[in-house]
Every structure is written in C-alpha cells, then in structure tokens.
N, C-alpha and C. Protein backbone atom coordinates (compact mmCIF):
# COMPACT_ATOMS: atom_id res chain seq x y z
N MET A 1 -70.24 67.30 14.18
CA MET A 1 -70.61 66.84 12.89
C MET A 1 -69.52 65.98 12.23
N LYS A 2 -68.27 66.47 12.36
CA LYS A 2 -67.09 65.78 11.82
C LYS A 2 -66.98 64.36 12.50
N ARG A 3 -67.16 64.35 13.80
CA ARG A 3 -66.98 63.20 14.56
C ARG A 3 -68.08 62.20 14.12
N THR A 4 -69.24 62.65 14.04
CA THR A 4 -70.32 61.74 13.58
C THR A 4 -70.14 61.13 12.18
N LEU A 5 -69.66 61.97 11.34
CA LEU A 5 -69.24 61.51 9.95
C LEU A 5 -68.19 60.49 10.03
N LEU A 6 -67.05 60.81 10.78
CA LEU A 6 -65.93 59.85 10.88
C LEU A 6 -66.37 58.56 11.55
N THR A 7 -67.32 58.55 12.51
CA THR A 7 -67.76 57.34 13.20
C THR A 7 -68.55 56.46 12.13
N ALA A 8 -69.38 57.21 11.39
CA ALA A 8 -70.20 56.45 10.37
C ALA A 8 -69.26 55.80 9.33
N ILE A 9 -68.23 56.54 8.79
CA ILE A 9 -67.30 56.02 7.94
C ILE A 9 -66.59 54.73 8.46
N ALA A 10 -66.16 54.89 9.79
CA ALA A 10 -65.34 53.74 10.48
C ALA A 10 -66.33 52.50 10.52
N VAL A 11 -67.59 52.70 10.95
CA VAL A 11 -68.47 51.65 11.09
C VAL A 11 -68.73 50.98 9.75
N LEU A 12 -68.95 51.72 8.75
CA LEU A 12 -69.21 51.10 7.31
C LEU A 12 -67.94 50.46 6.89
N GLY A 13 -66.77 50.99 7.23
CA GLY A 13 -65.52 50.27 6.88
C GLY A 13 -65.38 48.91 7.50
N LEU A 14 -65.76 48.84 8.88
CA LEU A 14 -65.70 47.60 9.56
C LEU A 14 -66.70 46.62 9.00
N ILE A 15 -67.80 47.02 8.73
CA ILE A 15 -68.81 46.25 8.07
C ILE A 15 -68.27 45.62 6.72
N PHE A 16 -67.85 46.47 5.93
CA PHE A 16 -67.25 46.09 4.65
C PHE A 16 -66.13 45.07 4.73
N ALA A 17 -65.20 45.41 5.76
CA ALA A 17 -64.06 44.51 6.03
C ALA A 17 -64.50 43.19 6.44
N SER A 18 -65.44 43.11 7.35
CA SER A 18 -65.84 41.84 7.83
C SER A 18 -66.57 41.06 6.79
N HIS A 19 -67.33 41.71 5.96
CA HIS A 19 -67.98 41.06 4.75
C HIS A 19 -66.94 40.44 3.85
N ALA A 20 -65.82 41.22 3.54
CA ALA A 20 -64.84 40.65 2.65
C ALA A 20 -64.15 39.50 3.17
N GLN A 21 -63.95 39.47 4.50
CA GLN A 21 -63.27 38.36 5.01
C GLN A 21 -64.19 37.12 5.08
N ASP A 22 -65.46 37.25 5.06
CA ASP A 22 -66.39 36.10 5.00
C ASP A 22 -66.35 35.48 3.70
N GLY A 23 -66.01 36.26 2.63
CA GLY A 23 -66.02 35.72 1.31
C GLY A 23 -67.37 35.64 0.74
N GLY A 24 -68.39 36.36 1.28
CA GLY A 24 -69.75 36.28 0.81
C GLY A 24 -70.01 37.18 -0.45
N GLY A 25 -71.02 36.78 -1.15
CA GLY A 25 -71.42 37.52 -2.34
C GLY A 25 -72.32 38.69 -1.91
N GLN A 26 -72.58 39.60 -2.87
CA GLN A 26 -73.37 40.78 -2.58
C GLN A 26 -74.84 40.36 -2.19
N THR A 27 -75.33 39.34 -2.81
CA THR A 27 -76.78 38.99 -2.63
C THR A 27 -76.99 37.81 -1.68
N ASP A 28 -75.98 37.56 -0.75
CA ASP A 28 -76.07 36.48 0.17
C ASP A 28 -76.96 36.66 1.28
N GLU A 29 -77.59 35.72 1.85
CA GLU A 29 -78.46 35.80 2.97
C GLU A 29 -77.83 36.61 4.07
N GLY A 30 -78.58 37.51 4.69
CA GLY A 30 -78.00 38.25 5.82
C GLY A 30 -77.43 39.65 5.42
N ASN A 31 -77.31 39.91 4.16
CA ASN A 31 -76.80 41.16 3.68
C ASN A 31 -77.82 42.21 3.60
N TRP A 32 -77.45 43.51 3.59
CA TRP A 32 -78.34 44.62 3.39
C TRP A 32 -78.14 45.26 2.05
N LEU A 33 -79.26 45.87 1.53
CA LEU A 33 -79.16 46.59 0.24
C LEU A 33 -79.75 47.93 0.45
N ILE A 34 -78.98 48.95 -0.18
CA ILE A 34 -79.56 50.31 -0.17
C ILE A 34 -79.57 50.78 -1.60
N GLU A 35 -80.59 51.29 -2.17
CA GLU A 35 -80.75 51.68 -3.52
C GLU A 35 -81.19 53.06 -3.69
N ALA A 36 -80.69 53.65 -4.72
CA ALA A 36 -81.22 55.00 -5.25
C ALA A 36 -81.42 54.73 -6.75
N ASN A 37 -82.62 55.07 -7.24
CA ASN A 37 -82.98 54.81 -8.65
C ASN A 37 -83.36 56.22 -9.28
N THR A 38 -83.11 56.22 -10.58
CA THR A 38 -83.56 57.27 -11.41
C THR A 38 -84.54 56.76 -12.40
N GLY A 39 -85.55 57.43 -12.74
CA GLY A 39 -86.58 57.08 -13.73
C GLY A 39 -86.61 57.96 -14.92
N PHE A 40 -86.55 57.35 -16.11
CA PHE A 40 -86.76 58.16 -17.32
C PHE A 40 -88.02 57.76 -18.00
N GLY A 41 -88.88 58.66 -18.24
CA GLY A 41 -90.13 58.32 -18.75
C GLY A 41 -91.14 59.08 -17.89
N SER A 42 -92.07 58.38 -17.40
CA SER A 42 -93.12 58.90 -16.61
C SER A 42 -93.01 58.69 -15.05
N ASP A 43 -91.81 58.44 -14.66
CA ASP A 43 -91.59 58.13 -13.19
C ASP A 43 -92.14 59.10 -12.33
N VAL A 44 -91.86 60.34 -12.40
CA VAL A 44 -92.38 61.39 -11.47
C VAL A 44 -93.74 61.77 -11.75
N ALA A 45 -94.18 61.54 -12.97
CA ALA A 45 -95.56 61.93 -13.42
C ALA A 45 -96.69 60.98 -12.96
N HIS A 46 -96.24 59.77 -12.66
CA HIS A 46 -97.36 58.85 -12.19
C HIS A 46 -97.68 58.99 -10.85
N GLY A 47 -97.04 59.85 -10.07
CA GLY A 47 -97.44 60.30 -8.72
C GLY A 47 -97.06 59.34 -7.55
N ALA A 48 -96.11 58.51 -7.83
CA ALA A 48 -95.59 57.66 -6.63
C ALA A 48 -94.16 57.25 -6.98
N SER A 49 -93.26 57.94 -6.42
CA SER A 49 -91.85 57.61 -6.61
C SER A 49 -91.05 57.56 -5.48
N THR A 50 -90.18 56.50 -5.47
CA THR A 50 -89.23 56.34 -4.39
C THR A 50 -87.70 56.48 -5.02
N GLY A 51 -87.69 57.18 -6.14
CA GLY A 51 -86.48 57.41 -6.80
C GLY A 51 -86.12 58.83 -6.98
N PHE A 52 -85.16 59.10 -7.89
CA PHE A 52 -84.83 60.52 -8.12
C PHE A 52 -85.37 60.87 -9.52
N GLY A 53 -85.98 62.00 -9.74
CA GLY A 53 -86.49 62.29 -11.01
C GLY A 53 -86.87 63.82 -11.19
N LEU A 54 -86.73 64.30 -12.37
CA LEU A 54 -87.14 65.63 -12.63
C LEU A 54 -87.72 65.79 -14.07
N SER A 55 -88.80 66.46 -14.16
CA SER A 55 -89.42 66.70 -15.59
C SER A 55 -90.08 68.12 -15.47
N SER A 56 -90.09 68.74 -16.68
CA SER A 56 -90.72 70.08 -16.78
C SER A 56 -91.38 69.99 -18.12
N THR A 57 -92.76 70.45 -18.04
CA THR A 57 -93.61 70.47 -19.13
C THR A 57 -94.45 71.73 -19.09
N ASP A 58 -94.45 72.48 -20.10
CA ASP A 58 -95.24 73.81 -20.17
C ASP A 58 -95.06 74.63 -18.98
N GLY A 59 -93.88 74.83 -18.48
CA GLY A 59 -93.58 75.60 -17.32
C GLY A 59 -93.96 75.01 -15.95
N SER A 60 -94.39 73.73 -16.00
CA SER A 60 -94.68 73.03 -14.71
C SER A 60 -93.45 72.08 -14.50
N THR A 61 -92.88 72.25 -13.27
CA THR A 61 -91.80 71.46 -12.93
C THR A 61 -92.20 70.34 -11.81
N VAL A 62 -91.85 69.08 -12.05
CA VAL A 62 -92.09 68.03 -11.11
C VAL A 62 -90.75 67.35 -10.76
N TRP A 63 -90.39 67.23 -9.49
CA TRP A 63 -89.27 66.58 -9.02
C TRP A 63 -89.46 65.69 -7.91
N SER A 64 -88.65 64.65 -7.74
CA SER A 64 -88.81 63.63 -6.71
C SER A 64 -87.51 63.24 -6.20
N MET A 65 -87.45 62.73 -4.97
CA MET A 65 -86.19 62.10 -4.41
C MET A 65 -86.66 61.08 -3.42
N GLY A 66 -85.87 60.02 -3.30
CA GLY A 66 -86.19 58.95 -2.38
C GLY A 66 -85.17 57.89 -2.39
N PHE A 67 -85.39 56.83 -1.63
CA PHE A 67 -84.48 55.66 -1.63
C PHE A 67 -85.27 54.40 -1.24
N GLU A 68 -84.53 53.31 -1.43
CA GLU A 68 -85.13 51.99 -1.07
C GLU A 68 -84.00 51.17 -0.29
N GLY A 69 -84.57 50.41 0.64
CA GLY A 69 -83.57 49.54 1.26
C GLY A 69 -84.21 48.11 1.43
N GLY A 70 -83.33 47.07 1.64
CA GLY A 70 -83.78 45.69 1.71
C GLY A 70 -82.78 44.84 2.56
N TYR A 71 -83.32 43.70 2.86
CA TYR A 71 -82.67 42.71 3.64
C TYR A 71 -82.76 41.38 2.96
N PHE A 72 -81.63 40.70 2.62
CA PHE A 72 -81.69 39.41 1.95
C PHE A 72 -82.03 38.36 2.92
N VAL A 73 -83.31 37.78 2.88
CA VAL A 73 -83.79 36.86 3.85
C VAL A 73 -83.28 35.55 3.44
N ILE A 74 -82.96 35.17 2.17
CA ILE A 74 -82.18 34.00 1.72
C ILE A 74 -81.28 34.54 0.58
N ASP A 75 -80.37 33.57 0.16
CA ASP A 75 -79.49 33.94 -0.98
C ASP A 75 -80.31 34.50 -2.12
N ASP A 76 -80.04 35.67 -2.62
CA ASP A 76 -80.59 36.28 -3.95
C ASP A 76 -82.00 36.80 -3.61
N LEU A 77 -82.62 36.78 -2.49
CA LEU A 77 -83.98 37.29 -2.29
C LEU A 77 -83.97 38.37 -1.20
N ALA A 78 -84.24 39.62 -1.59
CA ALA A 78 -84.37 40.68 -0.62
C ALA A 78 -85.82 41.17 -0.53
N LEU A 79 -86.19 41.35 0.79
CA LEU A 79 -87.46 42.02 1.03
C LEU A 79 -87.22 43.51 1.17
N LYS A 80 -87.95 44.44 0.46
CA LYS A 80 -87.52 45.75 0.41
C LYS A 80 -88.63 46.80 0.85
N ALA A 81 -88.17 47.97 1.22
CA ALA A 81 -89.14 48.98 1.53
C ALA A 81 -88.56 50.22 1.00
N GLY A 82 -89.41 51.29 0.64
CA GLY A 82 -88.83 52.55 0.18
C GLY A 82 -89.75 53.68 0.53
N LEU A 83 -89.10 54.84 0.56
CA LEU A 83 -89.79 56.08 0.83
C LEU A 83 -89.49 57.13 -0.14
N GLY A 84 -90.35 58.12 -0.45
CA GLY A 84 -89.99 59.12 -1.39
C GLY A 84 -90.79 60.36 -1.09
N TYR A 85 -90.35 61.44 -1.71
CA TYR A 85 -91.00 62.83 -1.58
C TYR A 85 -91.00 63.30 -3.08
N THR A 86 -92.16 63.82 -3.38
CA THR A 86 -92.37 64.47 -4.73
C THR A 86 -93.02 65.81 -4.65
N ASP A 87 -92.59 66.72 -5.46
CA ASP A 87 -93.26 68.10 -5.51
C ASP A 87 -93.77 68.20 -6.97
N LEU A 88 -95.11 68.13 -6.96
CA LEU A 88 -95.85 68.25 -8.32
C LEU A 88 -96.27 69.73 -8.49
N ASP A 89 -95.32 70.54 -8.78
CA ASP A 89 -95.58 71.94 -9.00
C ASP A 89 -96.41 72.54 -7.92
N GLY A 90 -95.97 72.33 -6.66
CA GLY A 90 -96.70 72.90 -5.55
C GLY A 90 -97.52 71.95 -4.63
N PHE A 91 -97.81 70.76 -5.22
CA PHE A 91 -98.52 69.73 -4.51
C PHE A 91 -97.40 68.73 -3.90
N THR A 92 -97.64 68.43 -2.68
CA THR A 92 -96.70 67.64 -2.03
C THR A 92 -97.16 66.21 -2.03
N LEU A 93 -96.26 65.16 -2.30
CA LEU A 93 -96.50 63.75 -2.25
C LEU A 93 -95.58 63.11 -1.38
N PHE A 94 -96.02 62.11 -0.48
CA PHE A 94 -95.18 61.25 0.13
C PHE A 94 -95.37 59.82 -0.36
N SER A 95 -94.43 59.16 -0.87
CA SER A 95 -94.54 57.81 -1.41
C SER A 95 -94.04 56.75 -0.60
N TYR A 96 -94.44 55.55 -0.82
CA TYR A 96 -93.96 54.33 -0.06
C TYR A 96 -93.96 53.16 -1.01
N LYS A 97 -93.14 52.14 -0.70
CA LYS A 97 -93.08 51.04 -1.55
C LYS A 97 -92.68 49.79 -0.69
N PHE A 98 -93.36 48.65 -1.01
CA PHE A 98 -92.94 47.36 -0.33
C PHE A 98 -92.92 46.33 -1.37
N GLY A 99 -91.99 45.48 -1.29
CA GLY A 99 -91.87 44.47 -2.20
C GLY A 99 -90.77 43.49 -2.03
N ALA A 100 -90.53 42.67 -3.13
CA ALA A 100 -89.36 41.68 -3.04
C ALA A 100 -88.59 41.75 -4.35
N LYS A 101 -87.25 41.62 -4.17
CA LYS A 101 -86.37 41.61 -5.37
C LYS A 101 -85.50 40.35 -5.26
N TYR A 102 -85.57 39.58 -6.47
CA TYR A 102 -84.84 38.39 -6.60
C TYR A 102 -83.80 38.48 -7.66
N TYR A 103 -82.51 38.02 -7.42
CA TYR A 103 -81.50 38.01 -8.38
C TYR A 103 -81.27 36.69 -8.94
N ILE A 104 -81.76 36.50 -10.24
CA ILE A 104 -81.54 35.22 -10.92
C ILE A 104 -80.02 35.09 -11.21
N ASN A 105 -79.46 33.93 -10.82
CA ASN A 105 -78.04 33.64 -10.97
C ASN A 105 -77.19 34.78 -10.34
N SER A 106 -77.70 35.41 -9.15
CA SER A 106 -77.06 36.52 -8.53
C SER A 106 -76.65 37.66 -9.40
N GLN A 107 -77.36 37.85 -10.58
CA GLN A 107 -76.94 38.86 -11.56
C GLN A 107 -78.09 39.47 -12.19
N ILE A 108 -79.23 38.91 -12.35
CA ILE A 108 -80.37 39.52 -13.05
C ILE A 108 -81.54 39.77 -12.07
N PRO A 109 -81.70 41.04 -11.64
CA PRO A 109 -82.74 41.38 -10.68
C PRO A 109 -84.08 41.52 -11.29
N VAL A 110 -85.06 40.79 -10.68
CA VAL A 110 -86.44 41.04 -11.05
C VAL A 110 -87.16 41.34 -9.65
N GLN A 111 -88.18 42.24 -9.84
CA GLN A 111 -88.78 42.85 -8.64
C GLN A 111 -90.24 42.91 -8.88
N ILE A 112 -91.01 42.73 -7.73
CA ILE A 112 -92.45 42.90 -7.76
C ILE A 112 -92.71 43.78 -6.46
N ASP A 113 -93.51 44.75 -6.57
CA ASP A 113 -93.78 45.59 -5.41
C ASP A 113 -95.15 46.34 -5.55
N LEU A 114 -95.58 46.94 -4.43
CA LEU A 114 -96.70 47.81 -4.31
C LEU A 114 -96.22 49.19 -3.94
N THR A 115 -96.57 50.17 -4.77
CA THR A 115 -96.17 51.49 -4.56
C THR A 115 -97.40 52.31 -4.53
N GLY A 116 -97.34 53.27 -3.62
CA GLY A 116 -98.44 54.18 -3.37
C GLY A 116 -97.99 55.48 -2.93
N ALA A 117 -98.87 56.47 -2.81
CA ALA A 117 -98.56 57.87 -2.38
C ALA A 117 -99.75 58.54 -1.70
N SER A 118 -99.46 59.50 -0.92
CA SER A 118 -100.44 60.28 -0.27
C SER A 118 -100.16 61.72 -0.83
N ILE A 119 -101.23 62.28 -1.55
CA ILE A 119 -101.13 63.55 -2.25
C ILE A 119 -101.84 64.60 -1.43
N GLN A 120 -101.21 65.64 -1.18
CA GLN A 120 -101.78 66.75 -0.38
C GLN A 120 -103.09 67.17 -1.03
N ASP A 121 -104.18 67.31 -0.33
CA ASP A 121 -105.47 67.83 -0.74
C ASP A 121 -106.04 67.00 -2.00
N ALA A 122 -105.74 65.83 -2.23
CA ALA A 122 -106.19 65.13 -3.35
C ALA A 122 -107.37 64.27 -2.87
N ALA A 123 -108.39 64.07 -3.81
CA ALA A 123 -109.50 63.08 -3.49
C ALA A 123 -109.10 61.70 -3.72
N GLU A 124 -108.22 61.50 -4.66
CA GLU A 124 -107.73 60.08 -4.90
C GLU A 124 -106.17 60.04 -4.90
N ASN A 125 -105.72 58.96 -4.41
CA ASN A 125 -104.26 58.72 -4.31
C ASN A 125 -103.87 57.58 -5.28
N PRO A 126 -102.64 57.61 -5.84
CA PRO A 126 -102.16 56.53 -6.67
C PRO A 126 -101.78 55.29 -5.89
N LEU A 127 -102.07 54.20 -6.54
CA LEU A 127 -101.70 52.96 -6.06
C LEU A 127 -101.21 51.98 -7.26
N TRP A 128 -100.08 51.46 -7.23
CA TRP A 128 -99.48 50.68 -8.35
C TRP A 128 -98.91 49.37 -7.92
N ILE A 129 -99.02 48.39 -8.83
CA ILE A 129 -98.33 47.19 -8.72
C ILE A 129 -97.10 47.36 -9.79
N GLY A 130 -95.87 47.22 -9.26
CA GLY A 130 -94.66 47.42 -10.19
C GLY A 130 -94.10 46.07 -10.46
N LEU A 131 -93.69 45.87 -11.71
CA LEU A 131 -92.94 44.78 -12.24
C LEU A 131 -91.67 45.33 -12.83
N GLN A 132 -90.56 44.87 -12.42
CA GLN A 132 -89.27 45.36 -12.80
C GLN A 132 -88.27 44.32 -13.11
N GLY A 133 -87.40 44.46 -14.18
CA GLY A 133 -86.32 43.58 -14.46
C GLY A 133 -85.10 44.35 -15.07
N GLY A 134 -83.95 43.76 -14.80
CA GLY A 134 -82.79 44.44 -15.37
C GLY A 134 -81.56 43.55 -15.30
N TYR A 135 -80.41 44.26 -15.20
CA TYR A 135 -79.12 43.57 -15.09
C TYR A 135 -78.19 44.21 -14.10
N ALA A 136 -77.67 43.44 -13.20
CA ALA A 136 -76.78 44.06 -12.23
C ALA A 136 -75.30 44.06 -12.64
N VAL A 137 -74.68 45.19 -12.82
CA VAL A 137 -73.31 45.23 -13.15
C VAL A 137 -72.58 45.65 -11.77
N PHE A 138 -71.93 44.60 -11.26
CA PHE A 138 -71.16 44.79 -10.00
C PHE A 138 -69.88 45.46 -10.19
N LEU A 139 -69.73 46.73 -9.71
CA LEU A 139 -68.43 47.42 -9.89
C LEU A 139 -67.36 46.84 -8.86
N ASN A 140 -67.80 46.42 -7.78
CA ASN A 140 -66.96 45.83 -6.74
C ASN A 140 -67.80 44.95 -5.73
N ASP A 141 -67.32 44.63 -4.61
CA ASP A 141 -68.11 43.76 -3.72
C ASP A 141 -69.33 44.56 -3.01
N TYR A 142 -69.31 45.90 -3.25
CA TYR A 142 -70.23 46.74 -2.35
C TYR A 142 -71.18 47.68 -3.29
N VAL A 143 -70.87 47.79 -4.60
CA VAL A 143 -71.50 48.77 -5.48
C VAL A 143 -72.00 48.06 -6.72
N SER A 144 -73.27 48.30 -7.10
CA SER A 144 -73.65 47.83 -8.54
C SER A 144 -74.42 49.01 -9.12
N ILE A 145 -74.56 48.82 -10.47
CA ILE A 145 -75.32 49.73 -11.28
C ILE A 145 -76.29 48.86 -11.98
N GLU A 146 -77.63 49.14 -11.92
CA GLU A 146 -78.67 48.21 -12.33
C GLU A 146 -79.57 48.89 -13.38
N PRO A 147 -79.23 48.88 -14.66
CA PRO A 147 -80.20 49.43 -15.72
C PRO A 147 -81.41 48.40 -15.84
N GLY A 148 -82.56 48.94 -16.14
CA GLY A 148 -83.66 47.99 -16.29
C GLY A 148 -84.96 48.69 -16.76
N LEU A 149 -85.96 47.80 -16.91
CA LEU A 149 -87.32 48.32 -17.36
C LEU A 149 -88.21 48.02 -16.20
N ARG A 150 -89.20 48.91 -16.03
CA ARG A 150 -90.29 48.78 -15.02
C ARG A 150 -91.65 49.13 -15.62
N TYR A 151 -92.63 48.39 -15.25
CA TYR A 151 -93.99 48.61 -15.73
C TYR A 151 -94.83 48.75 -14.48
N ASN A 152 -95.60 49.79 -14.37
CA ASN A 152 -96.42 50.10 -13.26
C ASN A 152 -97.88 49.92 -13.64
N ILE A 153 -98.67 49.01 -13.03
CA ILE A 153 -100.04 48.79 -13.31
C ILE A 153 -100.86 49.46 -12.23
N SER A 154 -101.73 50.40 -12.67
CA SER A 154 -102.64 51.14 -11.79
C SER A 154 -103.56 50.26 -11.10
N MET A 155 -103.62 50.42 -9.78
CA MET A 155 -104.58 49.62 -8.94
C MET A 155 -105.81 50.54 -8.52
N ASN A 156 -105.71 51.86 -9.00
CA ASN A 156 -106.78 52.78 -8.55
C ASN A 156 -107.29 53.51 -9.89
N ASP A 157 -108.32 52.92 -10.43
CA ASP A 157 -108.85 53.49 -11.78
C ASP A 157 -109.36 54.94 -11.63
N GLN A 158 -109.68 55.28 -10.40
CA GLN A 158 -110.07 56.75 -10.31
C GLN A 158 -109.03 57.71 -10.26
N PHE A 159 -107.72 57.17 -10.08
CA PHE A 159 -106.55 57.99 -10.17
C PHE A 159 -105.97 58.00 -11.59
N SER A 160 -105.87 56.77 -12.14
CA SER A 160 -105.29 56.57 -13.53
C SER A 160 -105.71 55.12 -13.90
N GLU A 161 -106.14 55.06 -15.26
CA GLU A 161 -106.48 53.71 -15.72
C GLU A 161 -105.29 53.28 -16.55
N ASP A 162 -104.27 54.09 -16.87
CA ASP A 162 -103.15 53.69 -17.71
C ASP A 162 -102.05 53.09 -16.98
N GLY A 163 -101.25 52.23 -17.56
CA GLY A 163 -100.05 51.69 -16.96
C GLY A 163 -98.87 52.65 -17.43
N VAL A 164 -97.82 52.50 -16.65
CA VAL A 164 -96.63 53.44 -16.96
C VAL A 164 -95.40 52.58 -17.16
N LEU A 165 -94.71 52.92 -18.25
CA LEU A 165 -93.47 52.14 -18.61
C LEU A 165 -92.35 53.07 -18.34
N GLU A 166 -91.33 52.55 -17.57
CA GLU A 166 -90.14 53.45 -17.31
C GLU A 166 -88.78 52.66 -17.68
N LEU A 167 -87.90 53.47 -18.12
CA LEU A 167 -86.42 53.08 -18.20
C LEU A 167 -85.89 53.52 -16.89
N ARG A 168 -85.11 52.61 -16.19
CA ARG A 168 -84.55 52.95 -14.86
C ARG A 168 -83.01 52.65 -14.79
N VAL A 169 -82.43 53.49 -14.14
CA VAL A 169 -80.96 53.20 -13.76
C VAL A 169 -80.88 53.26 -12.27
N GLY A 170 -80.56 52.13 -11.62
CA GLY A 170 -80.47 52.04 -10.15
C GLY A 170 -78.97 51.99 -9.72
N PHE A 171 -78.65 52.46 -8.58
CA PHE A 171 -77.38 52.31 -7.99
C PHE A 171 -77.55 51.76 -6.58
N ALA A 172 -76.84 50.69 -6.31
CA ALA A 172 -77.05 49.96 -5.07
C ALA A 172 -75.76 49.80 -4.29
N LEU A 173 -75.97 49.76 -2.99
CA LEU A 173 -74.77 49.54 -2.03
C LEU A 173 -75.19 48.26 -1.29
N TYR A 174 -74.21 47.34 -1.04
CA TYR A 174 -74.41 46.06 -0.45
C TYR A 174 -73.55 46.03 0.81
N PHE A 175 -74.04 45.55 1.90
CA PHE A 175 -73.17 45.39 3.14
C PHE A 175 -73.86 44.41 4.11
C-alpha cells in the first residue's frame, strides 16, 4: 500500500513538474481536470448528484459523494464526465453526468451538462439539464476553488416538474 501511494505521488509530481516547465496555463489544451463539488440548497434532494452533500429533514438523512473529470480539447474548453453515489434514507442512487465546461478569459467557468440517476426500485428516474456559472480562484498552477450558481432543469416531468437552484463550491485539480 505504501509503495503504491509513493508511486502515485511520484507520478503526479512528474506530471506537475513537466507542466510547470512547459509554462502552460491550467486550462490549456491537453490538460486534465478533476473536480469535487459541494452543493448548498437542493443538490442531494433533486436525486442526481456527482458532488458531496448532506441534508437532514424530519429525521430523514440524505448524503451523496462523487467526482467529475475532464479533458481540455482546446484552450479553455473541457469535455467532462462525472459519477456519484447517493443514499436517500435507505434508497440507493447512482448518478452520472456528461457535459462541457468553458472558461471565459481562462477565469470564468460556464458549464452545460446532462445529469441523470438510476434509483433503486423507482418507477421514474431523474434527468436534468444543468447550467452553471462561477468564478475560478486559482490558488496555484494546479488547484482552484470555484464558487458558483447552478440551475437544473427537469427533463422528466413524471419525476419532477420543478427546477432546482444550487449554490456550489467546487475544488479542482489541473494536470
């Protein structure tokens, strides 16, 4: 286990070092992006989450965890995919996300995606079109914090007719 962890750290160190020598920016073509997001509001309640969330209402607890990754196909444009797991007070959900994220002036991320989930023993499953915008605060060449707003538009009226507005804080790694 220690050997695997040390090998992973060494490989990431080499990737970061070669990236720094190239003088490239975080959102340059050919770079990778790994994100973990938190959602405040109805993130875990809308039934399809690829982020981290926790809510409790009337003794019912809902929690989720997940991540997203992407590849910059051109400068400032990443194609992304995400996976998530949610426990809705005993019901299990597996979520997925596919989309694109564009950084205006390499600083202002806007995203559009399709997010869905498979709910255990459910007759209907959620499907959402997500629109997201924010601001990337780059802490260094490899890490950013991205606060923003997200609006989810329901594509399955039988699951939900309402849209969901979320306040999000994302943490991203670039390599």
